[in-house]
C-alpha atoms as a PDB file:
ATOM      1  CA  MET A   1       0.248   0.068   0.213  1.00  0.00           C
ATOM      2  CA  ALA A   2       3.129   2.448   0.679  1.00  0.00           C
ATOM      3  CA  ILE A   3       4.293   1.599  -2.752  1.00  0.00           C
ATOM      4  CA  ALA A   4       1.124   2.425  -4.214  1.00  0.00           C
ATOM      5  CA  LEU A   5       0.713   5.915  -2.327  1.00  0.00           C
ATOM      6  CA  LEU A   6       4.457   6.561  -2.952  1.00  0.00           C
ATOM      7  CA  LEU A   7       4.269   6.338  -6.754  1.00  0.00           C
ATOM      8  CA  LEU A   8       1.183   8.075  -6.827  1.00  0.00           C
ATOM      9  CA  THR A   9       2.457  10.886  -5.272  1.00  0.00           C
ATOM     10  CA  VAL A  10       5.407  10.903  -7.353  1.00  0.00           C
ATOM     11  CA  ALA A  11       3.180  10.960 -10.159  1.00  0.00           C
ATOM     12  CA  LEU A  12       1.109  13.571  -9.113  1.00  0.00           C
ATOM     13  CA  VAL A  13       4.020  15.830  -8.557  1.00  0.00           C
ATOM     14  CA  VAL A  14       5.259  15.193 -12.069  1.00  0.00           C
ATOM     15  CA  VAL A  15       2.128  16.444 -13.809  1.00  0.00           C
ATOM     16  CA  ILE A  16       1.791  19.645 -11.760  1.00  0.00           C
ATOM     17  CA  ALA A  17       5.331  20.271 -12.497  1.00  0.00           C
ATOM     18  CA  LEU A  18       4.648  19.896 -16.577  1.00  0.00           C
ATOM     19  CA  LEU A  19       1.466  22.036 -16.159  1.00  0.00           C
ATOM     20  CA  ALA A  20       3.590  24.329 -14.871  1.00  0.00           C
ATOM     21  CA  ALA A  21       6.029  24.169 -17.314  1.00  0.00           C
ATOM     22  CA  ALA A  22       3.494  24.604 -20.071  1.00  0.00           C
ATOM     23  CA  GLY A  23       2.289  27.503 -18.405  1.00  0.00           C
ATOM     24  CA  ALA A  24       5.557  28.991 -18.413  1.00  0.00           C
ATOM     25  CA  ALA A  25       6.276  28.281 -22.262  1.00  0.00           C
ATOM     26  CA  MET A  26       2.813  29.543 -23.124  1.00  0.00           C
ATOM     27  CA  LEU A  27       3.220  32.925 -21.290  1.00  0.00           C
ATOM     28  CA  ALA A  28       7.052  33.176 -22.729  1.00  0.00           C
ATOM     29  CA  ARG A  29       5.384  32.642 -26.463  1.00  0.00           C
ATOM     30  CA  LEU A  30       2.394  35.333 -25.171  1.00  0.00           C
ATOM     31  CA  ASP A  31       5.033  37.553 -24.271  1.00  0.00           C
ATOM     32  CA  GLY A  32       6.654  37.621 -27.925  1.00  0.00           C
ATOM     33  CA  SER A  33       9.656  35.450 -26.658  1.00  0.00           C
ATOM     34  CA  SER A  34      10.843  32.853 -29.439  1.00  0.00           C
ATOM     35  CA  TRP A  35      10.615  29.056 -28.952  1.00  0.00           C
ATOM     36  CA  PRO A  36      14.122  28.220 -27.538  1.00  0.00           C
ATOM     37  CA  THR A  37      13.715  31.022 -24.992  1.00  0.00           C
ATOM     38  CA  ALA A  38      10.150  29.700 -23.932  1.00  0.00           C
ATOM     39  CA  LEU A  39      11.351  25.909 -23.787  1.00  0.00           C
ATOM     40  CA  THR A  40      14.301  27.292 -21.632  1.00  0.00           C
ATOM     41  CA  ARG A  41      11.879  28.914 -19.171  1.00  0.00           C
ATOM     42  CA  ALA A  42       9.710  25.807 -19.468  1.00  0.00           C
ATOM     43  CA  GLY A  43      12.442  23.491 -18.127  1.00  0.00           C
ATOM     44  CA  ILE A  44      13.811  25.853 -15.482  1.00  0.00           C
ATOM     45  CA  THR A  45       9.998  26.067 -14.261  1.00  0.00           C
ATOM     46  CA  PHE A  46       9.849  22.177 -14.937  1.00  0.00           C
ATOM     47  CA  THR A  47      13.371  22.112 -12.530  1.00  0.00           C
ATOM     48  CA  ALA A  48      12.190  24.441  -9.811  1.00  0.00           C
ATOM     49  CA  VAL A  49       9.132  22.331  -9.472  1.00  0.00           C
ATOM     50  CA  ILE A  50      10.598  19.286  -8.651  1.00  0.00           C
ATOM     51  CA  THR A  51      13.494  21.005  -6.536  1.00  0.00           C
ATOM     52  CA  LEU A  52      10.557  22.242  -4.328  1.00  0.00           C
ATOM     53  CA  ALA A  53       8.992  18.978  -4.221  1.00  0.00           C
ATOM     54  CA  ALA A  54      12.368  17.614  -3.068  1.00  0.00           C
ATOM     55  CA  ALA A  55      13.005  20.003  -0.593  1.00  0.00           C
ATOM     56  CA  ILE A  56       9.544  20.189   0.970  1.00  0.00           C
ATOM     57  CA  THR A  57       9.986  16.413   1.439  1.00  0.00           C
ATOM     58  CA  ALA A  58      13.522  16.410   2.738  1.00  0.00           C
ATOM     59  CA  VAL A  59      12.023  18.470   5.510  1.00  0.00           C
ATOM     60  CA  LEU A  60       9.209  16.671   6.031  1.00  0.00           C
ATOM     61  CA  SER A  61      10.389  13.267   6.102  1.00  0.00           C
ATOM     62  CA  PRO A  62      11.885  13.537   9.879  1.00  0.00           C
ATOM     63  CA  LEU A  63       8.395  14.422  11.153  1.00  0.00           C
ATOM     64  CA  LEU A  64       6.770  11.425   9.078  1.00  0.00           C
ATOM     65  CA  ALA A  65       9.194   9.145  10.448  1.00  0.00           C
END
């Protein structure tokens, strides 16, 4: 049961990161940026969301163990 919850949580974080990246790319394109710049901003946003999730996990893991 714990493995299923872990996999579901990881999948949810990845989906949220992808949605945030797509939103960042869309906003960059609406702002008039080129495709490479929009993809760079999307990549930075995806990395930031994944890093934030890892940091939150690191902070909360001693409290839940």
